Every structure is written in structure tokens, then in C-alpha cells.
N, C-alpha and C. Protein backbone atom coordinates (compact mmCIF):
# COMPACT_ATOMS: atom_id res chain seq x y z
N UNK A 1 0.78 -1.29 -0.41
CA UNK A 1 -0.12 -0.13 -0.07
C UNK A 1 0.90 1.22 0.04
N UNK A 2 0.50 2.28 -0.79
CA UNK A 2 1.16 3.20 -0.96
C UNK A 2 1.08 4.52 0.12
N UNK A 3 2.32 5.45 0.18
CA UNK A 3 1.80 6.73 1.42
C UNK A 3 0.44 7.35 0.78
N UNK A 4 0.30 7.31 -0.36
CA UNK A 4 -0.82 8.29 -0.94
C UNK A 4 -2.04 7.47 -0.38
N UNK A 5 -2.14 6.29 -0.23
CA UNK A 5 -3.41 5.37 0.24
C UNK A 5 -3.53 5.75 1.75
N UNK A 6 -2.25 5.24 2.24
CA UNK A 6 -2.56 5.55 3.86
C UNK A 6 -3.11 7.03 4.10
N UNK A 7 -2.54 7.76 3.47
CA UNK A 7 -3.33 9.33 3.65
C UNK A 7 -4.48 9.46 3.39
N UNK A 8 -5.07 8.94 2.10
CA UNK A 8 -6.74 9.01 1.81
C UNK A 8 -7.29 7.91 2.97
N UNK A 9 -7.07 7.20 3.02
CA UNK A 9 -7.74 6.32 4.37
C UNK A 9 -7.68 7.22 5.44
N UNK A 10 -6.85 7.77 5.96
CA UNK A 10 -6.59 8.35 7.00
C UNK A 10 -7.48 9.62 7.15
N UNK A 11 -7.36 10.19 6.03
CA UNK A 11 -8.24 11.36 5.76
C UNK A 11 -9.91 10.77 5.83
N UNK A 12 -9.97 9.66 5.26
CA UNK A 12 -11.58 9.35 4.77
C UNK A 12 -11.94 9.09 6.63
N UNK A 13 -10.96 8.58 7.68
CA UNK A 13 -11.47 8.15 8.47
C UNK A 13 -11.72 9.31 9.36
N UNK A 14 -10.73 10.48 9.23
CA UNK A 14 -11.08 11.54 10.20
C UNK A 14 -12.16 12.38 9.48
N UNK A 15 -12.57 12.37 8.40
CA UNK A 15 -13.84 12.94 7.82
C UNK A 15 -14.85 12.46 7.91
N UNK A 16 -15.04 10.83 8.13
CA UNK A 16 -15.79 10.11 8.53
C UNK A 16 -16.48 10.22 10.03
N UNK A 17 -15.34 10.71 10.85
CA UNK A 17 -15.65 11.38 12.44
C UNK A 17 -16.00 12.90 12.66
N UNK A 18 -16.31 13.22 11.39
CA UNK A 18 -16.87 14.82 11.25
C UNK A 18 -15.76 15.76 11.18
N UNK A 19 -14.43 15.61 10.89
CA UNK A 19 -13.44 16.71 10.50
C UNK A 19 -13.49 17.45 9.21
N UNK A 20 -14.40 18.45 9.43
CA UNK A 20 -14.81 19.41 7.96
C UNK A 20 -13.24 19.66 7.34
N UNK A 21 -12.47 19.92 7.73
CA UNK A 21 -10.53 19.98 7.00
C UNK A 21 -10.27 18.87 6.34
N UNK A 22 -10.61 17.67 6.93
CA UNK A 22 -10.28 16.44 6.34
C UNK A 22 -10.93 16.30 5.48
N UNK A 23 -12.47 16.58 5.66
CA UNK A 23 -13.30 16.63 4.19
C UNK A 23 -12.77 16.96 3.11
N UNK A 24 -12.68 18.16 3.44
CA UNK A 24 -12.20 19.23 2.36
C UNK A 24 -10.65 18.77 1.89
N UNK A 25 -10.17 18.30 2.21
CA UNK A 25 -8.59 17.72 1.91
C UNK A 25 -8.94 16.70 0.97
N UNK A 26 -9.44 15.72 1.54
CA UNK A 26 -10.18 14.59 0.83
C UNK A 26 -10.70 14.72 -0.53
N UNK A 27 -11.64 15.59 -0.43
CA UNK A 27 -12.51 15.77 -1.50
C UNK A 27 -11.47 16.46 -2.94
N UNK A 28 -10.47 17.71 -2.31
CA UNK A 28 -9.65 18.06 -2.92
C UNK A 28 -8.47 16.85 -3.91
N UNK A 29 -8.33 15.98 -2.74
CA UNK A 29 -7.31 14.93 -3.23
C UNK A 29 -7.89 13.95 -4.36
N UNK A 30 -9.09 13.63 -4.22
CA UNK A 30 -9.23 12.59 -4.78
C UNK A 30 -10.04 13.26 -6.36
N UNK A 31 -10.10 14.30 -6.41
CA UNK A 31 -10.99 15.02 -7.28
C UNK A 31 -10.68 14.46 -9.18
N UNK A 32 -9.07 14.38 -9.23
CA UNK A 32 -8.46 14.51 -10.09
C UNK A 32 -8.65 13.11 -10.91
N UNK A 33 -8.71 12.10 -9.81
CA UNK A 33 -8.88 10.48 -10.14
C UNK A 33 -10.34 10.35 -10.39
N UNK A 34 -11.15 10.89 -9.57
CA UNK A 34 -12.94 10.80 -9.97
C UNK A 34 -13.07 11.37 -11.15
N UNK A 35 -12.46 12.61 -11.63
CA UNK A 35 -13.04 12.84 -13.04
C UNK A 35 -12.22 12.02 -13.99
N UNK A 36 -11.21 11.44 -14.08
CA UNK A 36 -10.51 10.59 -14.75
C UNK A 36 -11.21 9.09 -14.80
N UNK A 37 -11.53 8.74 -13.94
CA UNK A 37 -12.29 7.51 -14.05
C UNK A 37 -14.09 7.73 -14.50
N UNK A 38 -14.52 9.21 -14.40
CA UNK A 38 -15.71 9.33 -14.92
C UNK A 38 -15.60 9.39 -16.62
N UNK A 39 -14.68 10.01 -16.71
CA UNK A 39 -14.15 10.28 -18.05
C UNK A 39 -14.37 8.93 -19.01
N UNK A 40 -13.83 7.74 -18.56
CA UNK A 40 -13.80 6.09 -18.85
C UNK A 40 -15.45 6.19 -19.11
N UNK A 41 -16.09 6.43 -18.41
CA UNK A 41 -17.39 6.11 -18.91
C UNK A 41 -18.08 7.31 -19.97
N UNK A 42 -18.27 8.23 -19.70
CA UNK A 42 -18.55 9.33 -20.44
C UNK A 42 -17.81 10.12 -21.54
N UNK A 43 -18.43 10.34 -22.67
CA UNK A 43 -17.59 10.49 -23.60
C UNK A 43 -17.45 11.84 -23.71
N UNK A 44 -18.17 12.88 -23.27
CA UNK A 44 -18.27 14.09 -23.36
C UNK A 44 -17.33 14.74 -21.70
N UNK A 45 -16.55 15.67 -22.14
CA UNK A 45 -15.98 16.12 -21.07
C UNK A 45 -17.07 17.11 -19.48
N UNK A 46 -18.26 17.59 -20.46
CA UNK A 46 -18.78 18.53 -19.15
C UNK A 46 -19.53 17.24 -18.65
N UNK A 47 -20.33 15.85 -19.45
CA UNK A 47 -20.90 14.95 -18.65
C UNK A 47 -20.09 14.34 -17.69
N UNK A 48 -18.78 14.30 -17.72
CA UNK A 48 -17.71 13.68 -16.90
C UNK A 48 -17.58 14.29 -15.44
N UNK A 49 -17.45 15.79 -16.13
CA UNK A 49 -17.34 16.77 -14.75
C UNK A 49 -18.61 16.53 -13.88
N UNK A 50 -20.13 16.55 -14.22
CA UNK A 50 -21.03 16.75 -13.81
C UNK A 50 -21.02 15.17 -13.07
N UNK A 51 -20.51 13.94 -13.49
CA UNK A 51 -20.84 12.87 -12.88
C UNK A 51 -19.71 12.90 -11.67
N UNK A 52 -18.34 13.84 -12.01
CA UNK A 52 -17.53 13.86 -10.89
C UNK A 52 -17.66 14.89 -9.77
N UNK A 53 -18.46 15.95 -10.10
CA UNK A 53 -19.49 16.45 -8.84
C UNK A 53 -20.60 15.74 -8.10
N UNK A 54 -21.28 14.81 -8.96
CA UNK A 54 -22.07 13.83 -8.26
C UNK A 54 -21.47 13.01 -7.41
N UNK A 55 -20.63 12.53 -7.83
CA UNK A 55 -19.48 11.78 -6.98
C UNK A 55 -18.92 12.32 -5.59
N UNK A 56 -18.43 13.49 -6.22
CA UNK A 56 -17.92 14.10 -4.92
C UNK A 56 -18.77 14.22 -4.02
N UNK A 57 -20.21 14.75 -4.03
CA UNK A 57 -21.35 14.96 -3.28
C UNK A 57 -21.75 13.48 -2.52
N UNK A 58 -21.75 12.54 -3.37
CA UNK A 58 -21.83 11.32 -2.93
C UNK A 58 -20.91 11.14 -1.49
N UNK A 59 -19.79 11.20 -2.15
CA UNK A 59 -18.43 10.90 -1.11
C UNK A 59 -18.62 11.72 0.31
N UNK A 60 -18.85 13.08 -0.04
CA UNK A 60 -19.22 13.79 1.24
C UNK A 60 -20.30 13.30 2.03
N UNK A 61 -21.37 12.74 1.26
CA UNK A 61 -22.47 12.35 2.26
C UNK A 61 -22.40 11.32 2.63
N UNK A 62 -21.75 10.49 2.21
CA UNK A 62 -21.57 9.07 2.59
C UNK A 62 -20.48 8.32 3.21
N UNK A 63 -19.31 9.75 3.39
CA UNK A 63 -18.25 9.20 4.12
C UNK A 63 -18.29 8.72 5.63
N UNK A 64 -19.28 9.07 6.18
CA UNK A 64 -19.71 8.17 7.53
C UNK A 64 -19.92 6.38 7.49
N UNK A 65 -20.15 6.47 6.44
CA UNK A 65 -20.22 4.68 6.23
C UNK A 65 -19.29 4.38 5.68
N UNK A 66 -18.20 4.76 5.21
CA UNK A 66 -17.07 4.23 4.90
C UNK A 66 -16.43 3.40 6.13
N UNK A 67 -16.63 1.54 5.48
CA UNK A 67 -16.60 0.62 6.54
C UNK A 67 -15.08 0.49 6.82
N UNK A 68 -14.03 0.55 5.52
CA UNK A 68 -12.96 0.37 5.57
C UNK A 68 -12.55 -1.15 5.04
N UNK A 69 -13.32 -1.98 4.96
CA UNK A 69 -13.34 -3.28 4.03
C UNK A 69 -12.59 -3.44 3.02
N UNK A 70 -12.31 -2.08 2.42
CA UNK A 70 -11.29 -2.02 1.34
C UNK A 70 -10.77 -0.61 1.65
N UNK A 71 -9.79 -0.08 0.43
CA UNK A 71 -9.15 0.98 0.48
C UNK A 71 -10.20 1.91 0.06
N UNK A 72 -10.04 3.27 0.61
CA UNK A 72 -10.70 4.48 0.10
C UNK A 72 -11.09 4.60 -1.49
N UNK A 73 -9.39 4.17 -2.24
CA UNK A 73 -9.65 4.22 -3.07
C UNK A 73 -10.82 3.20 -4.11
N UNK A 74 -10.32 2.19 -3.89
CA UNK A 74 -11.50 0.77 -4.00
C UNK A 74 -13.09 1.20 -3.76
N UNK A 75 -13.05 1.43 -2.53
CA UNK A 75 -14.89 1.98 -2.21
C UNK A 75 -14.89 3.17 -3.22
N UNK A 76 -14.18 4.24 -3.79
CA UNK A 76 -14.70 5.48 -4.65
C UNK A 76 -14.71 4.84 -6.04
N UNK A 77 -13.88 4.02 -6.25
CA UNK A 77 -13.79 3.30 -7.58
C UNK A 77 -15.47 2.84 -7.90
N UNK A 78 -16.34 2.21 -6.95
CA UNK A 78 -17.57 1.78 -6.81
C UNK A 78 -18.64 2.69 -7.05
N UNK A 79 -18.50 3.70 -5.80
CA UNK A 79 -19.09 5.28 -5.82
C UNK A 79 -19.19 5.55 -7.21
N UNK A 80 -17.79 6.10 -7.85
CA UNK A 80 -17.90 6.52 -9.50
C UNK A 80 -18.59 5.97 -10.07
N UNK A 81 -18.28 4.69 -10.38
CA UNK A 81 -18.82 3.57 -11.33
C UNK A 81 -20.37 3.95 -11.24
N UNK A 82 -20.91 3.67 -10.13
CA UNK A 82 -22.40 4.02 -9.87
C UNK A 82 -22.87 5.35 -10.30
N UNK A 83 -22.20 6.46 -10.17
CA UNK A 83 -22.52 8.03 -10.37
C UNK A 83 -22.47 8.38 -11.48
N UNK A 84 -21.51 7.41 -12.41
CA UNK A 84 -21.34 7.86 -13.82
C UNK A 84 -22.39 6.99 -14.51
N UNK A 85 -22.76 5.98 -14.42
CA UNK A 85 -24.03 5.14 -14.93
C UNK A 85 -25.31 5.90 -14.58
N UNK A 86 -25.34 6.27 -13.43
CA UNK A 86 -26.63 7.16 -13.10
C UNK A 86 -26.52 8.35 -13.90
N UNK A 87 -25.74 9.23 -13.95
CA UNK A 87 -25.72 10.72 -15.02
C UNK A 87 -25.82 10.14 -16.20
N UNK A 88 -25.47 9.08 -16.81
CA UNK A 88 -25.89 8.88 -18.12
C UNK A 88 -27.18 8.66 -18.09
N UNK A 89 -27.60 8.29 -17.06
CA UNK A 89 -29.39 7.78 -17.34
C UNK A 89 -29.91 8.87 -17.11
N UNK A 90 -29.55 10.03 -16.29
CA UNK A 90 -30.30 11.10 -15.99
C UNK A 90 -30.00 12.22 -17.32
N UNK A 91 -28.91 11.91 -17.86
CA UNK A 91 -28.85 12.59 -19.10
C UNK A 91 -29.91 12.21 -20.34
N UNK A 92 -29.61 10.92 -20.66
CA UNK A 92 -30.96 10.47 -21.76
C UNK A 92 -32.42 10.72 -21.30
N UNK A 93 -32.73 10.81 -19.80
CA UNK A 93 -33.72 10.80 -19.45
C UNK A 93 -34.46 12.72 -19.78
N UNK A 94 -33.10 13.55 -19.62
CA UNK A 94 -33.16 14.85 -19.72
C UNK A 94 -33.18 15.24 -21.34
N UNK A 95 -32.52 14.44 -22.28
CA UNK A 95 -32.65 14.78 -23.47
C UNK A 95 -33.98 14.11 -24.25
N UNK A 96 -34.43 13.11 -23.59
CA UNK A 96 -35.77 12.51 -24.08
C UNK A 96 -36.92 13.72 -23.88
N UNK A 97 -36.57 14.60 -22.60
CA UNK A 97 -37.65 15.38 -22.44
C UNK A 97 -37.63 16.62 -22.71
N UNK A 98 -36.44 17.18 -23.01
CA UNK A 98 -35.93 17.97 -24.29
C UNK A 98 -36.38 18.02 -25.74
N UNK A 99 -36.22 16.51 -25.89
CA UNK A 99 -36.69 16.83 -27.36
C UNK A 99 -38.48 16.49 -27.63
N UNK A 100 -38.99 16.92 -26.74
CA UNK A 100 -40.30 16.78 -26.78
C UNK A 100 -41.28 15.64 -27.33
N UNK A 101 -41.00 14.63 -26.78
CA UNK A 101 -41.72 13.46 -27.28
C UNK A 101 -40.83 12.73 -28.50
N UNK A 102 -40.13 13.19 -28.76
CA UNK A 102 -39.17 12.68 -30.28
C UNK A 102 -37.90 12.00 -29.30
N UNK A 103 -38.19 10.23 -29.96
CA UNK A 103 -37.76 9.27 -28.81
C UNK A 103 -35.86 9.62 -29.25
N UNK A 104 -35.04 9.39 -28.45
CA UNK A 104 -33.83 9.33 -28.57
C UNK A 104 -33.20 8.33 -29.81
N UNK A 105 -32.52 8.48 -30.63
CA UNK A 105 -31.94 7.52 -31.40
C UNK A 105 -31.48 6.29 -30.81
N UNK A 106 -30.96 5.26 -31.40
CA UNK A 106 -30.66 3.81 -30.55
C UNK A 106 -28.99 4.05 -30.84
N UNK A 107 -28.57 4.47 -31.73
CA UNK A 107 -27.08 4.77 -31.73
C UNK A 107 -27.11 6.07 -32.13
N UNK A 108 -25.41 6.37 -31.91
CA UNK A 108 -25.15 7.66 -31.83
C UNK A 108 -25.11 8.28 -33.07
N UNK A 109 -25.35 9.32 -33.48
CA UNK A 109 -25.29 9.94 -34.75
C UNK A 109 -23.69 9.88 -35.51
N UNK A 110 -23.13 8.95 -36.16
CA UNK A 110 -21.56 9.03 -36.58
C UNK A 110 -21.02 10.18 -36.92
N UNK A 111 -21.82 10.82 -37.51
CA UNK A 111 -21.58 12.34 -38.19
C UNK A 111 -20.61 13.14 -37.28
N UNK A 112 -21.63 12.94 -35.52
CA UNK A 112 -21.14 14.17 -34.88
C UNK A 112 -20.76 13.44 -33.55
N UNK A 113 -20.39 12.26 -33.58
CA UNK A 113 -19.85 11.15 -32.50
C UNK A 113 -18.58 10.46 -32.88
N UNK A 114 -17.54 10.74 -32.33
CA UNK A 114 -16.47 9.87 -32.47
C UNK A 114 -16.76 8.10 -32.24
N UNK A 115 -16.02 7.12 -32.48
CA UNK A 115 -16.11 6.01 -32.55
C UNK A 115 -15.95 5.63 -31.17
N UNK A 116 -14.44 5.96 -30.29
CA UNK A 116 -14.71 5.79 -28.92
C UNK A 116 -16.14 6.79 -28.08
N UNK A 117 -16.46 7.64 -28.24
CA UNK A 117 -17.81 8.08 -27.61
C UNK A 117 -18.91 7.47 -28.01
N UNK A 118 -18.97 6.87 -29.11
CA UNK A 118 -20.12 6.14 -29.67
C UNK A 118 -20.18 4.58 -28.90
N UNK A 119 -19.10 4.46 -28.79
CA UNK A 119 -18.78 2.90 -28.27
C UNK A 119 -18.99 2.82 -26.75
N UNK A 120 -18.82 4.24 -25.74
CA UNK A 120 -18.95 4.07 -24.39
C UNK A 120 -20.46 4.65 -24.51
N UNK A 121 -21.05 5.08 -25.35
CA UNK A 121 -22.69 5.10 -25.14
C UNK A 121 -23.11 3.84 -25.26
N UNK A 122 -22.43 2.91 -26.11
CA UNK A 122 -23.52 1.80 -26.22
C UNK A 122 -22.84 1.17 -25.18
N UNK A 123 -21.75 0.96 -24.61
CA UNK A 123 -21.87 0.48 -23.26
C UNK A 123 -22.70 0.97 -21.97
N UNK A 124 -22.84 1.82 -22.00
CA UNK A 124 -23.32 2.58 -20.88
C UNK A 124 -24.70 2.05 -21.16
N UNK A 125 -25.41 2.30 -22.29
CA UNK A 125 -26.48 1.78 -22.43
C UNK A 125 -27.05 -0.18 -22.40
N UNK A 126 -25.76 -1.00 -22.70
CA UNK A 126 -25.69 -2.14 -22.41
C UNK A 126 -25.06 -2.28 -21.14
N UNK A 127 -24.96 -1.40 -20.40
CA UNK A 127 -24.78 -1.93 -18.82
C UNK A 127 -26.05 -1.61 -18.18
N UNK A 128 -27.09 -0.96 -18.52
CA UNK A 128 -28.10 -0.24 -18.08
C UNK A 128 -29.15 -1.57 -18.52
N UNK A 129 -29.12 -2.00 -19.81
CA UNK A 129 -30.26 -3.25 -19.99
C UNK A 129 -29.41 -4.43 -19.18
N UNK A 130 -28.30 -4.73 -18.66
CA UNK A 130 -28.02 -6.04 -18.07
C UNK A 130 -28.55 -6.12 -16.79
N UNK A 131 -29.04 -4.91 -15.87
CA UNK A 131 -29.37 -4.84 -14.58
C UNK A 131 -27.76 -4.54 -13.69
N UNK A 132 -28.22 -3.84 -12.62
CA UNK A 132 -26.94 -3.50 -11.67
C UNK A 132 -26.47 -4.58 -11.31
N UNK A 133 -27.10 -6.01 -10.51
CA UNK A 133 -26.16 -7.23 -10.60
C UNK A 133 -25.13 -7.42 -11.55
N UNK A 134 -25.47 -7.26 -12.60
CA UNK A 134 -24.39 -7.50 -13.42
C UNK A 134 -23.51 -6.46 -13.98
N UNK A 135 -24.08 -5.24 -14.02
CA UNK A 135 -23.36 -4.41 -14.46
C UNK A 135 -21.98 -3.96 -13.56
N UNK A 136 -22.63 -3.62 -12.64
CA UNK A 136 -21.50 -3.06 -11.20
C UNK A 136 -20.54 -3.81 -11.46
N UNK A 137 -20.24 -4.99 -11.12
CA UNK A 137 -18.93 -6.05 -11.12
C UNK A 137 -18.41 -5.88 -12.69
N UNK A 138 -19.16 -5.67 -14.05
CA UNK A 138 -18.11 -5.38 -15.23
C UNK A 138 -18.00 -4.19 -15.20
N UNK A 139 -18.54 -3.34 -14.72
CA UNK A 139 -17.76 -1.96 -14.96
C UNK A 139 -16.72 -2.18 -14.20
N UNK A 140 -16.85 -2.41 -12.54
CA UNK A 140 -15.71 -2.06 -11.71
C UNK A 140 -14.33 -3.37 -12.47
N UNK A 141 -14.74 -4.05 -13.09
CA UNK A 141 -13.57 -4.70 -13.50
C UNK A 141 -13.01 -4.29 -14.78
N UNK A 142 -14.21 -4.27 -16.09
CA UNK A 142 -13.52 -3.92 -17.17
C UNK A 142 -13.19 -2.44 -17.65
N UNK A 143 -14.05 -1.31 -16.92
CA UNK A 143 -14.02 0.19 -17.31
C UNK A 143 -12.72 0.39 -16.25
N UNK A 144 -13.09 -0.08 -15.08
CA UNK A 144 -12.26 0.86 -13.92
C UNK A 144 -10.91 -0.17 -13.53
N UNK A 145 -11.09 -1.55 -14.12
CA UNK A 145 -9.64 -2.50 -13.95
C UNK A 145 -9.39 -2.83 -12.36
N UNK A 146 -10.62 -2.86 -11.84
CA UNK A 146 -10.34 -3.72 -10.37
C UNK A 146 -9.95 -4.86 -10.16
N UNK A 147 -9.24 -5.39 -9.53
CA UNK A 147 -8.62 -6.82 -8.73
C UNK A 147 -10.27 -7.48 -8.95
N UNK A 148 -10.23 -8.72 -8.84
CA UNK A 148 -11.82 -9.35 -8.61
C UNK A 148 -11.62 -9.68 -7.22
N UNK A 149 -10.58 -9.62 -6.29
CA UNK A 149 -10.73 -9.56 -4.95
C UNK A 149 -11.10 -8.25 -4.27
N UNK A 150 -10.96 -7.05 -4.86
CA UNK A 150 -11.16 -6.04 -4.38
C UNK A 150 -12.81 -5.80 -4.69
N UNK A 151 -13.05 -6.63 -5.76
CA UNK A 151 -14.39 -6.30 -6.21
C UNK A 151 -15.35 -7.12 -5.58
N UNK A 152 -14.86 -8.28 -4.74
CA UNK A 152 -15.64 -9.23 -4.08
C UNK A 152 -15.86 -8.65 -2.83
N UNK A 153 -14.82 -7.80 -1.87
CA UNK A 153 -14.47 -7.29 -1.20
C UNK A 153 -15.74 -5.90 -0.92
N UNK A 154 -15.84 -5.27 -2.19
CA UNK A 154 -16.71 -3.95 -2.44
C UNK A 154 -18.10 -4.53 -2.06
N UNK A 155 -18.76 -5.89 -2.87
CA UNK A 155 -19.50 -6.26 -3.11
C UNK A 155 -20.13 -6.71 -1.91
N UNK A 156 -19.10 -7.55 -0.90
CA UNK A 156 -19.42 -8.16 -0.02
C UNK A 156 -20.07 -9.79 -0.16
N UNK A 157 -19.07 -10.28 -1.45
CA UNK A 157 -19.80 -11.72 -1.91
C UNK A 157 -18.49 -12.23 -2.19
N UNK A 158 -18.71 -13.68 -2.26
CA UNK A 158 -17.18 -14.51 -2.77
C UNK A 158 -17.07 -14.23 -4.10
N UNK A 159 -15.40 -14.03 -4.19
CA UNK A 159 -14.74 -13.83 -5.64
C UNK A 159 -15.69 -14.73 -6.72
N UNK A 160 -15.52 -16.11 -6.33
CA UNK A 160 -15.87 -16.68 -7.30
C UNK A 160 -17.81 -16.38 -8.15
N UNK A 161 -18.35 -15.41 -6.91
CA UNK A 161 -19.46 -15.25 -7.65
C UNK A 161 -19.25 -13.79 -8.11
N UNK A 162 -18.23 -13.06 -8.35
CA UNK A 162 -17.77 -12.04 -8.79
C UNK A 162 -17.42 -12.35 -10.32
N UNK A 163 -16.49 -13.24 -10.27
CA UNK A 163 -16.10 -13.83 -11.79
C UNK A 163 -17.77 -14.49 -12.30
N UNK A 164 -18.41 -15.10 -11.80
CA UNK A 164 -19.37 -15.42 -12.79
C UNK A 164 -20.16 -14.80 -13.05
N UNK A 165 -20.66 -13.55 -12.15
CA UNK A 165 -21.24 -12.11 -12.52
C UNK A 165 -21.03 -11.77 -13.65
N UNK A 166 -19.35 -11.38 -13.43
CA UNK A 166 -18.81 -10.91 -14.68
C UNK A 166 -18.77 -11.67 -15.96
N UNK A 167 -18.62 -13.12 -15.93
CA UNK A 167 -18.87 -13.52 -16.96
C UNK A 167 -20.39 -13.85 -17.93
N UNK A 168 -21.26 -13.98 -17.02
CA UNK A 168 -22.34 -13.77 -17.54
C UNK A 168 -22.91 -12.30 -17.89
N UNK A 169 -22.54 -11.19 -17.04
CA UNK A 169 -22.64 -9.96 -17.83
C UNK A 169 -21.65 -9.40 -18.87
N UNK A 170 -20.86 -10.23 -19.45
CA UNK A 170 -19.95 -9.94 -20.14
C UNK A 170 -20.68 -10.71 -21.36
N UNK A 171 -21.12 -11.65 -20.81
CA UNK A 171 -21.89 -12.57 -21.94
C UNK A 171 -23.23 -11.94 -23.00
N UNK A 172 -23.88 -11.45 -21.53
CA UNK A 172 -24.77 -10.46 -22.01
C UNK A 172 -24.94 -9.29 -22.76
N UNK A 173 -23.58 -8.44 -22.06
CA UNK A 173 -23.32 -7.35 -23.33
C UNK A 173 -22.70 -7.24 -24.87
N UNK A 174 -22.15 -8.67 -24.57
CA UNK A 174 -21.58 -9.15 -26.24
C UNK A 174 -22.76 -9.23 -26.85
N UNK A 175 -23.70 -10.43 -26.30
CA UNK A 175 -25.12 -10.36 -27.40
C UNK A 175 -25.64 -9.01 -27.44
N UNK A 176 -25.90 -8.22 -26.79
CA UNK A 176 -26.39 -7.07 -26.84
C UNK A 176 -25.68 -6.16 -28.11
N UNK A 177 -24.56 -5.99 -27.92
CA UNK A 177 -23.66 -5.41 -28.39
C UNK A 177 -23.10 -5.51 -29.70
N UNK A 178 -23.38 -6.74 -30.05
CA UNK A 178 -23.50 -7.37 -31.58
C UNK A 178 -24.53 -7.56 -32.22
N UNK A 179 -25.76 -7.75 -31.47
CA UNK A 179 -26.84 -7.75 -32.17
C UNK A 179 -27.13 -6.16 -32.48
N UNK A 180 -26.74 -4.91 -32.30
CA UNK A 180 -26.97 -3.78 -32.41
C UNK A 180 -26.03 -3.29 -33.30
N UNK A 181 -25.07 -4.14 -33.98
CA UNK A 181 -24.16 -3.61 -34.72
C UNK A 181 -24.93 -3.80 -36.25
N UNK A 182 -24.71 -2.74 -37.26
CA UNK A 182 -25.32 -2.88 -38.31
C UNK A 182 -24.58 -3.84 -39.05
N UNK A 183 -25.16 -4.55 -39.93
CA UNK A 183 -24.39 -5.54 -41.07
C UNK A 183 -24.03 -4.88 -42.41
N UNK A 184 -22.69 -5.20 -42.68
CA UNK A 184 -22.39 -4.93 -43.99
C UNK A 184 -22.17 -5.57 -44.64
N UNK A 185 -21.97 -4.94 -46.28
CA UNK A 185 -22.18 -5.79 -47.49
C UNK A 185 -22.53 -6.86 -47.32
N UNK A 186 -23.35 -7.51 -46.61
CA UNK A 186 -24.75 -8.85 -46.95
C UNK A 186 -23.74 -9.82 -46.17
N UNK A 187 -22.87 -9.44 -45.66
CA UNK A 187 -22.01 -10.45 -44.60
C UNK A 187 -22.62 -10.54 -43.54
N UNK A 188 -23.18 -11.21 -43.04
CA UNK A 188 -23.64 -11.56 -41.54
C UNK A 188 -23.31 -12.09 -40.60
N UNK A 189 -22.63 -11.71 -39.38
CA UNK A 189 -21.95 -12.75 -38.50
C UNK A 189 -22.95 -14.04 -38.11
N UNK A 190 -21.80 -14.86 -37.98
CA UNK A 190 -22.57 -16.13 -37.59
C UNK A 190 -22.81 -15.79 -35.72
N UNK A 191 -24.16 -15.90 -35.76
CA UNK A 191 -24.64 -15.99 -33.99
C UNK A 191 -25.31 -17.21 -33.74
N UNK A 192 -24.66 -17.99 -33.50
CA UNK A 192 -25.38 -19.26 -33.16
C UNK A 192 -25.15 -19.00 -31.41
N UNK A 193 -25.96 -19.42 -30.51
CA UNK A 193 -26.14 -19.12 -29.07
C UNK A 193 -26.62 -20.48 -28.92
């Protein structure tokens, strides 16, 4: 464990005990990492910043509930993943409301969206579709790159259960994402399941 993690864990304990200065220092220290993690989910900087602010607010409100079963960074990864997904869902609802009844397109407009951004949006839609029990471990492993052991500690389930949920989540995501891809030149991929 690095000195930075020890300092963050100490700040988290002090903030959880009500020390406002420790909370301010903690929020300042983790903000760059939180923003970077949110940007892994959300393709647009403004959306990532919104998710970052939402995550920091959740951290400030929930720091007293941090139990220390894992490092603060690991716990923060979970909060960040959940808040980034929630921000995306809220943005979709807002866009749907602003469109005055016009449904959102199923796929991003490639003329205005990069391949990377479109892929992230497809991933977020896919994670929403497979449900939180599968989406959370997949996001923690594949987007935020947490080890299975840390995910198991965060979720309070055995490591084997985490691996099983990730396997099933990936399977469902793969099916969803490949079923949405347009077929080109009449070549249809073999989809026998």
C-alpha cells in the first residue's frame, strides 16, 4: 500500500468522524482521479465533470458509512462507477424530455460522435440493460480495472460469485452489442448461441 493510499484512508477516517478540514482535503485529493474515472465512462468532458461533482457529493454525504473493508480508492471506484452510470441515465432522460416526445436515436449519430464516444454510449446502454447485479461488477472490472478480490470485498460476495457475474454480464453485453451492430456488405456474422 502506497503512502498516498494511507493518507487517503486516514483522511477518510477523520472525515467520517466529522472533521470538515479532512473532508475538504480528501475531496481535493481525490477529484482528479474521480474525473479521470468518470471520463472512462462518459465521452463528453462536461458530462464527466457532472458525474465527478455528483460522485464528490456522494462521497461527502456518505463518508461516515465508509467501513474500511477495502481501501478508500477501491470504495471510491464503486461510487464513481455507479454515479457515472446514473449521470448517463439522467442525461438520457433529460434529452428525451427536451426532445418533446421525439425518441432518442438507438445509436449515436456517427457524423457528430467519435467511434470511442459511440462505443462508450453503447456500453452504458448495455450496462443499463443487463441490470445492476451484473453491470456493477463488469464496470468495476472492465472499465475501472479493479482486481476480482477488491470487487468481491466491495460487493460483499465471494470472489467466485464476482467472476460468475462478470462472465454472465460480459456474455449479455456481447450479445446486446453485437446484435445492435449494423451488418455490412451482406456479410452476416454467425450468431449461434
